[in-house]
Amino acid sequence: MPIRSANGRINERMTVVDSLFLFFSVALVLSAVMVIVSPHAVVSALYLTLVFIFTAGLYILLQAFFLAVLQILVYAGAIMVLFLFVIMLLDRRAPCRWWSRNLPALVGGPMVGLTFGVAVWATLKRTTWPEVAPETLFRGDLAQVMTPVFTRFLLPVEITGLLLLAATIGVVVLTRKEGQP
């Protein structure tokens, strides 16, 4: 990003924030690709953990520290433990190589991605962005995140909690062997 110095010249050097953004972005995209390409489910889940961690790094660069902590605790912590538990519960030993002998997926995947990218680019090009007053900007602090959760979205949060509890009980019942308490 060009930076204007005190004497009016434009400085083309990258700042530390620019470098960190570039690092987190490239690492996030590479980890996301490895989630899809990796033949082993456990390795894919570990790459997904890296995706969550690099996303938290981008939140930190946006100064949304609370969202970064939530990203690490909820997604990289709790959700990934659940994913790994289910993957190991399924106990699939053979690696899944979906790309071998799957020509429609190899050709169609990039085509769909390219079509989606062109659609997003065209939409962003035609969009006029309204000016936002500084006091209405999202800061990512605790009060701004949790107030809607405990007011407008309390019922969906409670229903989600009950569904997760039912899923956990179902997994425990399904994995229990005969004769064990």
Protein backbone atom coordinates (compact mmCIF):
# COMPACT_ATOMS: atom_id res chain seq x y z
CA MET A 1 0.00 0.00 0.00
CA PRO A 2 1.40 3.40 -0.88
CA ILE A 3 2.09 5.58 2.15
CA ARG A 4 2.52 9.34 1.87
CA SER A 5 5.49 10.57 3.87
CA ALA A 6 5.85 13.96 5.58
CA ASN A 7 7.50 15.55 2.54
CA GLY A 8 4.66 14.43 0.24
CA ARG A 9 6.41 11.55 -1.51
CA ILE A 10 4.73 8.20 -1.83
CA ASN A 11 6.51 5.39 -0.02
CA GLU A 12 5.98 1.95 -1.60
CA ARG A 13 7.40 -0.10 1.29
CA MET A 14 5.15 -2.55 3.08
CA THR A 15 4.37 -2.00 6.71
CA VAL A 16 4.37 -4.74 9.34
CA VAL A 17 0.57 -4.92 9.17
CA ASP A 18 0.72 -5.35 5.39
CA SER A 19 3.28 -8.13 5.75
CA LEU A 20 1.21 -9.89 8.42
CA PHE A 21 -1.93 -9.59 6.32
CA LEU A 22 -0.13 -11.09 3.35
CA PHE A 23 1.26 -13.92 5.50
CA PHE A 24 -2.09 -14.75 7.13
CA SER A 25 -3.97 -14.55 3.83
CA VAL A 26 -1.60 -16.76 1.86
CA ALA A 27 -1.29 -19.26 4.72
CA LEU A 28 -5.08 -19.36 5.12
CA VAL A 29 -5.68 -20.04 1.42
CA LEU A 30 -2.95 -22.71 1.27
CA SER A 31 -4.32 -24.42 4.39
CA ALA A 32 -7.84 -24.34 2.96
CA VAL A 33 -6.60 -25.97 -0.26
CA MET A 34 -4.81 -28.64 1.79
CA VAL A 35 -8.07 -29.36 3.65
CA ILE A 36 -9.64 -30.28 0.34
CA VAL A 37 -6.67 -32.06 -1.26
CA SER A 38 -5.38 -34.10 1.69
CA PRO A 39 -6.28 -37.81 1.36
CA HIS A 40 -6.41 -38.46 5.12
CA ALA A 41 -9.37 -37.13 7.12
CA VAL A 42 -7.36 -36.47 10.30
CA VAL A 43 -4.74 -34.47 8.36
CA SER A 44 -7.54 -32.48 6.71
CA ALA A 45 -8.98 -31.70 10.14
CA LEU A 46 -5.59 -30.48 11.33
CA TYR A 47 -5.29 -28.23 8.27
CA LEU A 48 -8.76 -26.92 9.10
CA THR A 49 -7.43 -26.02 12.54
CA LEU A 50 -4.73 -23.98 10.81
CA VAL A 51 -7.43 -22.24 8.76
CA PHE A 52 -9.21 -21.26 11.98
CA ILE A 53 -5.97 -20.00 13.55
CA PHE A 54 -5.02 -17.90 10.51
CA THR A 55 -8.55 -16.48 10.43
CA ALA A 56 -8.07 -15.43 14.06
CA GLY A 57 -4.85 -13.72 12.99
CA LEU A 58 -6.79 -11.70 10.43
CA TYR A 59 -9.29 -10.75 13.15
CA ILE A 60 -6.40 -9.50 15.28
CA LEU A 61 -5.19 -7.35 12.39
CA LEU A 62 -8.71 -5.89 12.19
CA GLN A 63 -8.45 -5.15 15.94
CA ALA A 64 -11.41 -7.44 16.67
CA PHE A 65 -9.64 -9.14 19.56
CA PHE A 66 -12.75 -10.66 21.10
CA LEU A 67 -13.69 -12.30 17.80
CA ALA A 68 -10.15 -13.65 17.49
CA VAL A 69 -10.36 -15.22 20.94
CA LEU A 70 -13.78 -16.68 20.13
CA GLN A 71 -12.41 -18.05 16.85
CA ILE A 72 -9.60 -19.83 18.68
CA LEU A 73 -11.68 -21.11 21.59
CA VAL A 74 -14.85 -22.12 19.78
CA TYR A 75 -13.68 -23.21 16.34
CA ALA A 76 -10.04 -24.22 16.74
CA GLY A 77 -10.80 -25.69 20.16
CA ALA A 78 -14.26 -27.13 20.66
CA ILE A 79 -15.43 -27.71 17.09
CA MET A 80 -12.16 -29.32 16.00
CA VAL A 81 -12.22 -31.65 19.01
CA LEU A 82 -15.71 -32.67 17.93
CA PHE A 83 -14.58 -33.16 14.31
CA LEU A 84 -11.60 -35.26 15.32
CA PHE A 85 -13.79 -37.31 17.67
CA VAL A 86 -16.22 -38.09 14.85
CA ILE A 87 -13.42 -38.84 12.37
CA MET A 88 -11.75 -41.24 14.77
CA LEU A 89 -15.13 -42.73 15.67
CA LEU A 90 -15.71 -43.58 12.01
CA ASP A 91 -12.25 -45.20 11.94
CA ARG A 92 -11.72 -44.99 8.21
CA ARG A 93 -8.26 -46.35 7.51
CA ALA A 94 -8.08 -46.11 3.71
CA PRO A 95 -7.24 -42.66 2.36
CA CYS A 96 -9.88 -41.08 0.20
CA ARG A 97 -8.50 -40.07 -3.20
CA TRP A 98 -11.48 -38.35 -4.78
CA TRP A 99 -9.41 -36.78 -7.54
CA SER A 100 -8.19 -40.03 -9.11
CA ARG A 101 -10.36 -41.02 -12.07
CA ASN A 102 -12.79 -38.18 -11.41
CA LEU A 103 -12.53 -36.00 -14.50
CA PRO A 104 -15.84 -34.12 -13.97
CA ALA A 105 -14.66 -32.95 -10.52
CA LEU A 106 -11.24 -31.92 -11.85
CA VAL A 107 -12.75 -29.90 -14.70
CA GLY A 108 -15.97 -28.76 -13.05
CA GLY A 109 -14.44 -27.59 -9.77
CA PRO A 110 -12.24 -24.87 -11.26
CA MET A 111 -15.05 -23.89 -13.65
CA VAL A 112 -17.47 -23.39 -10.76
CA GLY A 113 -14.81 -21.47 -8.83
CA LEU A 114 -14.07 -19.23 -11.79
CA THR A 115 -17.78 -18.58 -12.40
CA PHE A 116 -18.26 -17.72 -8.73
CA GLY A 117 -15.24 -15.39 -8.78
CA VAL A 118 -16.52 -13.56 -11.89
CA ALA A 119 -19.97 -13.20 -10.30
CA VAL A 120 -18.51 -11.78 -7.08
CA TRP A 121 -16.22 -9.43 -9.03
CA ALA A 122 -19.13 -8.16 -11.17
CA THR A 123 -21.31 -7.66 -8.11
CA LEU A 124 -18.61 -5.76 -6.23
CA LYS A 125 -17.87 -3.62 -9.26
CA ARG A 126 -21.52 -2.48 -9.56
CA THR A 127 -22.10 -1.95 -5.84
CA THR A 128 -22.10 1.55 -4.43
CA TRP A 129 -20.95 1.48 -0.83
CA PRO A 130 -22.69 3.85 1.57
CA GLU A 131 -20.70 6.02 3.93
CA VAL A 132 -20.81 4.69 7.48
CA ALA A 133 -20.65 6.97 10.48
CA PRO A 134 -17.68 6.09 12.74
CA GLU A 135 -19.92 5.50 15.77
CA THR A 136 -21.87 2.76 13.93
CA LEU A 137 -18.80 0.78 12.88
CA PHE A 138 -18.33 -2.69 14.28
CA ARG A 139 -15.55 -2.68 16.87
CA GLY A 140 -15.62 -6.39 17.78
CA ASP A 141 -15.65 -5.82 21.52
CA LEU A 142 -17.53 -7.91 24.08
CA ALA A 143 -20.58 -5.67 24.47
CA GLN A 144 -21.13 -5.26 20.76
CA VAL A 145 -20.90 -9.01 20.08
CA MET A 146 -22.77 -10.43 23.07
CA THR A 147 -25.66 -7.95 23.38
CA PRO A 148 -27.49 -9.31 20.29
CA VAL A 149 -26.74 -12.89 21.37
CA PHE A 150 -28.50 -12.44 24.70
CA THR A 151 -31.34 -10.26 23.35
CA ARG A 152 -32.46 -10.88 19.74
CA PHE A 153 -30.81 -14.26 19.18
CA LEU A 154 -31.32 -15.92 22.57
CA LEU A 155 -33.82 -18.53 21.33
CA PRO A 156 -31.68 -19.70 18.35
CA VAL A 157 -28.63 -19.95 20.64
CA GLU A 158 -30.57 -22.06 23.15
CA ILE A 159 -31.97 -24.31 20.40
CA THR A 160 -28.46 -24.78 18.98
CA GLY A 161 -27.21 -25.72 22.44
CA LEU A 162 -29.95 -28.32 22.82
CA LEU A 163 -29.20 -29.77 19.37
CA LEU A 164 -25.50 -30.06 20.22
CA LEU A 165 -26.39 -31.75 23.52
CA ALA A 166 -28.66 -34.23 21.70
CA ALA A 167 -25.90 -34.94 19.15
CA THR A 168 -23.37 -35.56 21.91
CA ILE A 169 -25.72 -37.94 23.71
CA GLY A 170 -26.40 -39.72 20.41
CA VAL A 171 -22.68 -40.18 19.75
CA VAL A 172 -22.15 -41.59 23.24
CA VAL A 173 -25.06 -44.02 22.81
CA LEU A 174 -23.88 -45.11 19.36
CA THR A 175 -20.29 -45.71 20.44
CA ARG A 176 -21.12 -47.61 23.60
CA LYS A 177 -20.49 -51.33 23.19
CA GLU A 178 -22.82 -54.01 24.54
CA GLY A 179 -22.21 -54.85 28.16
CA GLN A 180 -20.52 -51.54 29.00
CA PRO A 181 -22.20 -49.02 31.28
